[in-house]
């Protein structure tokens, strides 16, 4: 049983962690830390947290569990705020979508990654943001990737693993660099693509008519362009070395399609589409396992 859980960043992700922990009765008290006072008040009113702080130093003092769920660009300042109250017996973890940048932020502040900090990434979310979007089942059946380092405490690792399993998540371990490579392709690039497509269409003179006649496929494909821009700004900047080459590869693919269309290369285009469909079916088959 966690005596005092401190969640830093009480938005969709952090709020859902708090709601899930309360629903599963994993902790006695939940403290929320957030720079947005209005969001904190909502979290209190909704019963997501029991106490609210705008300062991470004060909020994390005395906590035996701390989860950092802020945008990844804020991690260095969060670690700096936690340093005066960092407790060796407490468990620290995070929910950042990039892992190498988080690890580097910890090294910058502490000189090394503390053994009781377990880098983690719950691969879950929604296009809505803020504590009002938080649910107690967001992580049910979802994957959570832990990226421990050689110096990570085995006890801390197992406790974080048990926490996520208790809220219904499927937990696996991965090397931090490999995590950033995989997520760049499967999550970060698709978000960039959705933002770019909607931005392009939004610049056209016939904007209203284009969106008026957009069908369900457009809505489904661009849903993630409604995600929190600040959060995705931080993610893309933190993982830019992985994302930029993928954008270049995607441009090559689009140019190839344009060439096939221009030449009316029917067979080549059909083969291209069929290959993509088969690849997606393979993805669906693996996801069901």
Protein backbone atom coordinates (compact mmCIF):
# COMPACT_ATOMS: atom_id res chain seq x y z
CA UNK A 1 0.00 0.00 0.00
CA UNK A 2 1.29 3.43 -1.00
CA UNK A 3 0.88 5.85 1.88
CA UNK A 4 1.24 9.08 -0.05
CA UNK A 5 1.22 9.19 -3.84
CA UNK A 6 2.38 12.46 -5.38
CA UNK A 7 1.40 13.03 -9.00
CA UNK A 8 3.24 15.90 -10.67
CA UNK A 9 1.21 17.04 -13.65
CA UNK A 10 -2.49 16.35 -13.05
CA UNK A 11 -3.70 16.22 -16.64
CA UNK A 12 -5.07 13.34 -18.69
CA UNK A 13 -2.14 11.03 -17.96
CA UNK A 14 -1.38 12.04 -14.38
CA UNK A 15 -5.04 12.38 -13.49
CA UNK A 16 -5.76 8.92 -14.87
CA UNK A 17 -2.87 7.51 -12.83
CA UNK A 18 -4.42 9.07 -9.72
CA UNK A 19 -7.92 7.85 -10.58
CA UNK A 20 -6.66 4.34 -11.36
CA UNK A 21 -4.68 4.15 -8.11
CA UNK A 22 -7.71 5.26 -6.11
CA UNK A 23 -10.05 2.90 -7.94
CA UNK A 24 -7.75 -0.06 -7.23
CA UNK A 25 -7.14 1.12 -3.65
CA UNK A 26 -3.40 1.24 -4.13
CA UNK A 27 -2.81 4.29 -1.94
CA UNK A 28 -4.14 6.08 1.13
CA UNK A 29 -3.57 9.68 0.01
CA UNK A 30 -3.03 11.36 -3.36
CA UNK A 31 -1.28 14.69 -3.67
CA UNK A 32 -1.42 16.62 -6.93
CA UNK A 33 1.15 19.12 -8.20
CA UNK A 34 0.37 21.35 -11.15
CA UNK A 35 1.31 24.83 -12.30
CA UNK A 36 -2.27 25.40 -13.46
CA UNK A 37 -4.25 26.44 -10.38
CA UNK A 38 -7.60 26.12 -12.16
CA UNK A 39 -6.77 22.57 -13.19
CA UNK A 40 -5.75 21.76 -9.59
CA UNK A 41 -9.06 23.08 -8.28
CA UNK A 42 -10.90 20.90 -10.78
CA UNK A 43 -8.86 17.91 -9.65
CA UNK A 44 -9.86 18.59 -6.04
CA UNK A 45 -13.51 19.14 -6.93
CA UNK A 46 -13.60 15.89 -8.93
CA UNK A 47 -11.98 13.94 -6.10
CA UNK A 48 -8.99 13.01 -8.25
CA UNK A 49 -6.57 14.28 -5.57
CA UNK A 50 -6.79 14.92 -1.84
CA UNK A 51 -4.37 17.84 -1.62
CA UNK A 52 -3.00 20.33 -4.14
CA UNK A 53 0.31 22.14 -4.57
CA UNK A 54 1.77 24.32 -7.29
CA UNK A 55 5.30 23.60 -6.08
CA UNK A 56 6.82 20.15 -6.59
CA UNK A 57 9.19 20.55 -3.64
CA UNK A 58 6.31 21.02 -1.23
CA UNK A 59 4.02 18.49 -2.87
CA UNK A 60 6.57 15.67 -2.96
CA UNK A 61 7.85 16.21 0.59
CA UNK A 62 7.00 13.12 2.64
CA UNK A 63 5.64 11.15 -0.33
CA UNK A 64 6.68 7.52 -0.62
CA UNK A 65 5.69 7.42 -4.32
CA UNK A 66 6.20 10.19 -6.89
CA UNK A 67 5.04 10.02 -10.51
CA UNK A 68 6.12 12.75 -12.93
CA UNK A 69 3.50 13.24 -15.64
CA UNK A 70 4.44 16.65 -17.01
CA UNK A 71 5.48 17.42 -20.60
CA UNK A 72 8.99 16.02 -21.09
CA UNK A 73 10.42 19.48 -21.62
CA UNK A 74 9.73 20.29 -17.96
CA UNK A 75 11.56 17.31 -16.47
CA UNK A 76 14.82 19.07 -15.71
CA UNK A 77 13.04 21.76 -13.69
CA UNK A 78 10.92 19.10 -11.96
CA UNK A 79 14.03 17.13 -10.96
CA UNK A 80 15.59 20.35 -9.70
CA UNK A 81 12.53 20.97 -7.52
CA UNK A 82 12.57 17.38 -6.24
CA UNK A 83 16.27 17.31 -5.38
CA UNK A 84 15.94 18.91 -1.89
CA UNK A 85 13.27 16.38 -0.82
CA UNK A 86 14.45 13.30 -2.75
CA UNK A 87 14.14 10.34 -0.38
CA UNK A 88 16.14 7.12 -0.81
CA UNK A 89 13.26 4.99 0.49
CA UNK A 90 10.68 6.50 -1.87
CA UNK A 91 9.85 5.27 -5.37
CA UNK A 92 10.09 7.71 -8.27
CA UNK A 93 8.87 7.08 -11.80
CA UNK A 94 7.44 8.97 -14.75
CA UNK A 95 5.06 8.81 -17.70
CA UNK A 96 7.13 10.61 -20.33
CA UNK A 97 6.78 9.69 -23.99
CA UNK A 98 10.54 9.92 -24.57
CA UNK A 99 13.05 8.20 -22.36
CA UNK A 100 16.55 9.30 -23.32
CA UNK A 101 15.68 12.96 -22.70
CA UNK A 102 14.20 12.09 -19.30
CA UNK A 103 17.28 10.09 -18.33
CA UNK A 104 19.56 12.91 -19.48
CA UNK A 105 17.55 15.43 -17.43
CA UNK A 106 18.03 13.26 -14.33
CA UNK A 107 21.76 13.03 -14.96
CA UNK A 108 22.00 16.79 -15.41
CA UNK A 109 20.44 17.47 -12.01
CA UNK A 110 21.71 14.54 -9.94
CA UNK A 111 24.95 13.69 -11.72
CA UNK A 112 23.55 10.21 -12.30
CA UNK A 113 20.14 8.60 -12.51
CA UNK A 114 19.08 7.82 -8.93
CA UNK A 115 18.62 4.05 -8.41
CA UNK A 116 15.09 4.56 -7.08
CA UNK A 117 13.93 6.34 -10.26
CA UNK A 118 12.34 3.97 -12.78
CA UNK A 119 11.77 5.53 -16.23
CA UNK A 120 8.42 4.45 -17.64
CA UNK A 121 6.04 5.20 -20.49
CA UNK A 122 2.36 4.22 -20.42
CA UNK A 123 1.42 3.93 -24.10
CA UNK A 124 -2.07 5.31 -23.68
CA UNK A 125 -3.83 8.58 -24.17
CA UNK A 126 -6.59 10.49 -25.90
CA UNK A 127 -6.95 13.66 -27.93
CA UNK A 128 -8.52 15.42 -24.94
CA UNK A 129 -6.37 16.95 -22.23
CA UNK A 130 -6.72 18.20 -18.66
CA UNK A 131 -7.88 16.48 -15.51
CA UNK A 132 -11.49 16.42 -16.68
CA UNK A 133 -10.46 13.95 -19.38
CA UNK A 134 -8.88 11.57 -16.83
CA UNK A 135 -10.47 8.15 -16.29
CA UNK A 136 -9.88 5.24 -13.94
CA UNK A 137 -9.56 2.71 -16.79
CA UNK A 138 -7.27 4.52 -19.23
CA UNK A 139 -4.50 1.97 -18.69
CA UNK A 140 -6.65 -1.15 -18.68
CA UNK A 141 -5.18 -3.50 -21.29
CA UNK A 142 -2.68 -0.87 -22.46
CA UNK A 143 1.07 -1.35 -22.73
CA UNK A 144 3.49 0.26 -20.31
CA UNK A 145 7.17 0.27 -21.23
CA UNK A 146 9.77 0.41 -18.45
CA UNK A 147 13.29 1.45 -19.47
CA UNK A 148 15.46 0.62 -16.42
CA UNK A 149 19.20 1.28 -16.39
CA UNK A 150 21.89 -1.07 -15.03
CA UNK A 151 21.95 0.93 -11.78
CA UNK A 152 18.16 0.90 -11.32
CA UNK A 153 17.07 -0.66 -8.04
CA UNK A 154 15.56 -4.10 -8.60
CA UNK A 155 13.09 -3.51 -5.77
CA UNK A 156 12.00 -0.17 -7.23
CA UNK A 157 11.64 -1.74 -10.67
CA UNK A 158 9.47 -4.58 -9.38
CA UNK A 159 7.27 -2.22 -7.38
CA UNK A 160 6.67 0.02 -10.39
CA UNK A 161 5.95 -3.05 -12.50
CA UNK A 162 3.46 -4.30 -9.90
CA UNK A 163 1.77 -0.88 -9.76
CA UNK A 164 1.08 -0.83 -13.48
CA UNK A 165 -0.08 -4.42 -13.48
CA UNK A 166 -2.46 -3.59 -10.65
CA UNK A 167 -4.18 -0.94 -12.80
CA UNK A 168 -4.57 -3.44 -15.64
CA UNK A 169 -1.62 -2.58 -17.87
CA UNK A 170 0.64 -4.96 -19.81
CA UNK A 171 4.21 -4.24 -18.70
CA UNK A 172 7.40 -4.82 -20.66
CA UNK A 173 11.03 -3.66 -20.48
CA UNK A 174 12.98 -1.95 -23.24
CA UNK A 175 16.29 -0.20 -23.78
CA UNK A 176 15.75 3.62 -23.61
CA UNK A 177 17.30 4.28 -27.03
CA UNK A 178 15.27 1.50 -28.64
CA UNK A 179 12.13 2.86 -26.98
CA UNK A 180 12.66 6.27 -28.55
CA UNK A 181 13.33 4.68 -31.95
CA UNK A 182 10.18 2.55 -31.85
CA UNK A 183 7.89 5.27 -30.50
CA UNK A 184 9.19 7.78 -33.04
CA UNK A 185 7.85 5.53 -35.79
CA UNK A 186 4.63 4.34 -34.18
CA UNK A 187 3.50 7.43 -32.27
CA UNK A 188 5.55 10.57 -32.81
CA UNK A 189 5.66 10.52 -36.63
CA UNK A 190 1.88 9.84 -36.93
CA UNK A 191 1.18 12.86 -34.74
CA UNK A 192 3.45 15.06 -36.86
CA UNK A 193 1.71 13.74 -40.00
CA UNK A 194 -1.76 14.47 -38.59
CA UNK A 195 -0.76 17.98 -37.54
CA UNK A 196 0.84 18.66 -40.94
CA UNK A 197 -2.17 17.43 -42.92
CA UNK A 198 -4.69 19.45 -40.93
CA UNK A 199 -2.40 22.51 -41.03
CA UNK A 200 -2.13 22.22 -44.82
CA UNK A 201 -5.87 21.92 -45.32
CA UNK A 202 -6.52 24.69 -42.82
CA UNK A 203 -4.48 27.10 -44.97
CA UNK A 204 -6.60 26.59 -48.07
CA UNK A 205 -9.11 29.23 -49.08
CA UNK A 206 -11.92 26.70 -49.14
CA UNK A 207 -11.21 25.67 -45.55
CA UNK A 208 -14.82 25.67 -44.41
CA UNK A 209 -16.03 23.62 -47.37
CA UNK A 210 -13.17 21.12 -47.07
CA UNK A 211 -13.92 20.40 -43.44
CA UNK A 212 -17.67 20.45 -44.06
CA UNK A 213 -17.44 17.55 -46.48
CA UNK A 214 -14.78 15.60 -44.63
CA UNK A 215 -16.00 12.07 -43.93
CA UNK A 216 -15.42 9.73 -41.01
CA UNK A 217 -12.10 8.53 -42.41
CA UNK A 218 -10.71 12.06 -42.21
CA UNK A 219 -11.97 12.42 -38.66
CA UNK A 220 -10.39 9.12 -37.61
CA UNK A 221 -7.10 9.79 -39.38
CA UNK A 222 -6.69 13.29 -37.96
CA UNK A 223 -8.09 12.65 -34.47
CA UNK A 224 -4.65 12.87 -32.88
CA UNK A 225 -4.19 16.39 -34.28
CA UNK A 226 -6.52 17.43 -31.43
CA UNK A 227 -3.88 16.36 -28.89
CA UNK A 228 -2.25 18.89 -26.55
CA UNK A 229 0.12 20.99 -28.74
CA UNK A 230 2.48 21.85 -25.87
CA UNK A 231 2.92 18.22 -24.90
CA UNK A 232 3.65 17.20 -28.50
CA UNK A 233 5.99 20.12 -29.03
CA UNK A 234 8.11 18.83 -26.16
CA UNK A 235 7.96 15.23 -27.36
CA UNK A 236 8.97 16.09 -30.92
CA UNK A 237 11.82 18.33 -29.83
CA UNK A 238 13.07 15.73 -27.34
CA UNK A 239 13.04 12.96 -29.95
CA UNK A 240 13.88 15.03 -33.02
CA UNK A 241 16.96 12.98 -33.93
CA UNK A 242 14.70 9.97 -34.46
CA UNK A 243 11.74 11.83 -36.00
CA UNK A 244 13.54 13.92 -38.64
CA UNK A 245 14.97 10.93 -40.57
CA UNK A 246 11.53 9.30 -40.51
CA UNK A 247 9.97 12.43 -42.00
CA UNK A 248 12.56 12.25 -44.79
CA UNK A 249 11.69 8.58 -45.43
CA UNK A 250 7.99 9.44 -45.48
CA UNK A 251 8.65 12.19 -48.02
CA UNK A 252 10.40 9.60 -50.20
CA UNK A 253 7.36 7.33 -49.96
CA UNK A 254 4.98 10.16 -50.88
CA UNK A 255 7.19 11.16 -53.81
CA UNK A 256 7.17 7.56 -54.99
CA UNK A 257 3.37 7.50 -54.90
CA UNK A 258 3.23 10.83 -56.73
CA UNK A 259 5.51 9.41 -59.41
CA UNK A 260 3.35 6.32 -59.85
CA UNK A 261 0.21 8.44 -60.12
CA UNK A 262 1.82 10.79 -62.61
CA UNK A 263 2.91 7.87 -64.79
CA UNK A 264 -0.39 6.03 -64.29
CA UNK A 265 1.62 3.03 -63.11
CA UNK A 266 -1.48 1.04 -62.20
CA UNK A 267 0.22 -2.24 -61.29
CA UNK A 268 2.93 -0.57 -59.22
CA UNK A 269 0.39 1.53 -57.35
CA UNK A 270 -1.86 -1.46 -56.69
CA UNK A 271 1.12 -3.43 -55.38
CA UNK A 272 2.09 -0.50 -53.16
CA UNK A 273 -1.41 -0.21 -51.67
CA UNK A 274 -1.73 -3.99 -51.22
CA UNK A 275 1.65 -4.17 -49.48
CA UNK A 276 0.60 -1.43 -47.08
CA UNK A 277 -2.70 -3.15 -46.36
CA UNK A 278 -0.94 -6.44 -45.63
CA UNK A 279 1.52 -4.69 -43.32
CA UNK A 280 -1.35 -3.14 -41.38
CA UNK A 281 -3.09 -6.51 -41.08
CA UNK A 282 0.12 -7.96 -39.70
CA UNK A 283 0.13 -5.16 -37.13
CA UNK A 284 -3.47 -5.91 -36.16
CA UNK A 285 -2.71 -9.63 -35.82
CA UNK A 286 0.25 -8.91 -33.52
CA UNK A 287 -1.78 -6.42 -31.46
CA UNK A 288 -4.37 -9.11 -30.71
CA UNK A 289 -1.78 -11.45 -29.20
